[in-house]
Protein backbone atom coordinates (compact mmCIF):
# COMPACT_ATOMS: atom_id res chain seq x y z
CA UNK A 1 -33.75 -33.94 37.94
CA UNK A 2 -31.34 -31.45 39.36
CA UNK A 3 -28.70 -29.79 37.10
CA UNK A 4 -25.30 -29.27 38.60
CA UNK A 5 -23.32 -26.31 37.30
CA UNK A 6 -19.69 -27.16 36.81
CA UNK A 7 -17.01 -24.49 36.84
CA UNK A 8 -15.31 -23.76 33.53
CA UNK A 9 -11.76 -25.13 33.61
CA UNK A 10 -8.88 -22.61 33.75
CA UNK A 11 -7.57 -23.92 30.42
CA UNK A 12 -10.82 -22.97 28.69
CA UNK A 13 -10.63 -19.42 30.06
CA UNK A 14 -7.00 -19.13 28.92
CA UNK A 15 -7.92 -20.37 25.44
CA UNK A 16 -10.77 -17.86 25.21
CA UNK A 17 -8.51 -15.00 26.37
CA UNK A 18 -5.80 -15.99 23.89
CA UNK A 19 -8.35 -16.13 21.07
CA UNK A 20 -9.60 -12.64 21.90
CA UNK A 21 -6.03 -11.27 22.04
CA UNK A 22 -5.11 -12.86 18.70
CA UNK A 23 -8.31 -11.59 17.04
CA UNK A 24 -7.65 -8.08 18.32
CA UNK A 25 -4.02 -8.19 17.11
CA UNK A 26 -5.05 -9.42 13.66
CA UNK A 27 -7.68 -6.69 13.43
CA UNK A 28 -5.14 -4.02 14.41
CA UNK A 29 -2.50 -5.34 12.01
CA UNK A 30 -4.97 -5.51 9.14
CA UNK A 31 -6.26 -1.99 9.68
CA UNK A 32 -2.82 -0.51 10.35
CA UNK A 33 -1.27 -2.08 7.26
CA UNK A 34 -4.15 -1.91 4.81
CA UNK A 35 -4.62 0.69 2.12
CA UNK A 36 -4.63 4.22 3.44
CA UNK A 37 -7.77 6.31 3.15
CA UNK A 38 -8.39 8.17 -0.10
CA UNK A 39 -7.25 11.77 0.23
CA UNK A 40 -4.19 11.14 2.38
CA UNK A 41 -0.98 12.48 0.81
CA UNK A 42 1.42 9.67 1.77
CA UNK A 43 -0.08 6.21 1.69
CA UNK A 44 1.48 3.03 3.05
CA UNK A 45 0.90 -0.68 2.53
CA UNK A 46 2.64 -3.66 4.10
CA UNK A 47 2.27 -7.06 2.47
CA UNK A 48 4.41 -10.18 2.89
CA UNK A 49 7.10 -8.33 4.82
CA UNK A 50 7.50 -5.48 2.32
CA UNK A 51 6.37 -1.95 3.22
CA UNK A 52 5.68 0.45 0.39
CA UNK A 53 5.09 4.21 0.80
CA UNK A 54 3.89 6.45 -2.02
CA UNK A 55 3.55 10.24 -2.03
CA UNK A 56 2.21 12.15 -5.04
CA UNK A 57 4.09 15.33 -5.79
CA UNK A 58 1.94 18.41 -6.51
CA UNK A 59 1.04 18.72 -10.18
CA UNK A 60 2.19 22.19 -11.18
CA UNK A 61 0.30 24.14 -13.81
CA UNK A 62 1.75 23.36 -17.24
CA UNK A 63 3.77 20.38 -15.95
CA UNK A 64 4.52 17.66 -18.49
CA UNK A 65 5.19 14.94 -15.90
CA UNK A 66 3.57 13.78 -12.71
CA UNK A 67 5.87 12.42 -10.03
CA UNK A 68 5.24 9.92 -7.24
CA UNK A 69 7.88 9.34 -4.57
CA UNK A 70 8.08 5.63 -3.77
CA UNK A 71 9.99 3.82 -1.04
CA UNK A 72 10.17 0.09 -0.42
CA UNK A 73 11.50 -1.61 2.70
CA UNK A 74 11.88 -5.37 3.13
CA UNK A 75 12.60 -7.33 6.30
CA UNK A 76 14.23 -10.06 4.23
CA UNK A 77 14.76 -10.88 0.59
CA UNK A 78 15.81 -8.63 -2.23
CA UNK A 79 13.70 -5.85 -3.76
CA UNK A 80 14.11 -6.72 -7.42
CA UNK A 81 10.99 -4.94 -8.71
CA UNK A 82 11.21 -3.13 -12.05
CA UNK A 83 8.77 -0.38 -11.09
CA UNK A 84 8.84 1.16 -14.57
CA UNK A 85 7.34 -2.10 -15.90
CA UNK A 86 5.04 -3.07 -13.02
CA UNK A 87 3.33 0.26 -12.31
CA UNK A 88 0.37 2.01 -13.91
CA UNK A 89 -1.44 5.26 -13.20
CA UNK A 90 -5.20 5.09 -13.71
CA UNK A 91 -6.79 8.41 -14.69
CA UNK A 92 -10.44 8.56 -15.74
CA UNK A 93 -10.47 4.77 -16.18
CA UNK A 94 -7.44 4.76 -18.50
CA UNK A 95 -4.13 3.07 -17.53
CA UNK A 96 -1.01 5.12 -18.21
CA UNK A 97 2.46 3.54 -18.15
CA UNK A 98 5.29 5.38 -16.40
CA UNK A 99 7.87 7.23 -18.47
CA UNK A 100 10.68 6.55 -15.99
CA UNK A 101 11.87 5.30 -12.61
CA UNK A 102 14.56 7.55 -11.17
CA UNK A 103 15.96 5.96 -8.06
CA UNK A 104 17.76 3.04 -6.52
CA UNK A 105 18.44 0.05 -8.76
CA UNK A 106 17.02 -3.41 -8.11
CA UNK A 107 18.25 -5.32 -5.07
CA UNK A 108 18.80 -4.76 -1.39
CA UNK A 109 16.34 -4.27 1.45
CA UNK A 110 15.57 -0.57 0.87
CA UNK A 111 14.82 1.36 -2.30
CA UNK A 112 13.67 4.91 -2.92
CA UNK A 113 12.96 6.83 -6.05
CA UNK A 114 10.46 8.68 -8.18
CA UNK A 115 8.01 7.22 -10.68
CA UNK A 116 7.26 9.65 -13.50
CA UNK A 117 4.09 9.62 -15.63
CA UNK A 118 2.85 11.88 -18.42
CA UNK A 119 0.79 14.64 -16.82
CA UNK A 120 -2.92 14.61 -17.62
CA UNK A 121 -4.21 17.48 -19.74
CA UNK A 122 -6.39 18.59 -16.83
CA UNK A 123 -6.04 17.66 -13.16
CA UNK A 124 -8.42 14.74 -12.64
CA UNK A 125 -10.88 14.43 -9.77
CA UNK A 126 -9.01 11.32 -8.58
CA UNK A 127 -6.16 9.01 -9.55
CA UNK A 128 -5.10 5.49 -8.71
CA UNK A 129 -1.55 4.16 -8.78
CA UNK A 130 -1.24 0.39 -9.15
CA UNK A 131 2.03 -1.40 -8.47
CA UNK A 132 2.34 -5.15 -9.06
CA UNK A 133 4.90 -7.18 -7.13
CA UNK A 134 6.05 -10.69 -7.95
CA UNK A 135 4.49 -13.19 -5.56
CA UNK A 136 1.55 -10.96 -4.62
CA UNK A 137 -1.85 -11.96 -6.01
CA UNK A 138 -3.18 -8.41 -6.30
CA UNK A 139 -1.48 -5.13 -7.21
CA UNK A 140 -0.90 -2.59 -4.47
CA UNK A 141 -3.43 0.20 -5.03
CA UNK A 142 -2.99 3.80 -3.89
CA UNK A 143 -5.85 6.28 -4.47
CA UNK A 144 -6.05 10.02 -4.10
CA UNK A 145 -8.98 12.35 -4.58
CA UNK A 146 -8.63 15.92 -5.87
CA UNK A 147 -7.74 17.29 -2.40
CA UNK A 148 -4.75 14.94 -2.13
CA UNK A 149 -3.44 15.87 -5.58
CA UNK A 150 -2.70 19.53 -4.93
């Protein structure tokens, strides 16, 4: 019995090419908008149309507070987060609540401000800032090692 090779239809090639392009785009989007690498000063996440950037401010010797600059940008919807209630700093496995949010009030498509936390007695080897947002299943997590804290 002789097998006859049939050419692959153009539609099948187009479908394969489209699948490859979509997979590549999803991979790029996921890596470009995922958590930043530990050690980077400013870290950015983008989830459900809201981009959040966080930058730790250097912890000066003898400081009583640790500051993190935070900005939020939304493509649509209102940014009604109460960051003083939905944020926590994790130092040596212990969650610390912020002492204040100094910045733009709830609402709008863009907010900037500073989250303040009690300064640790000694600079830790690493810290993690967790910010919960309504409608997101997991908190946004930003991590810095000792090099990114100074």
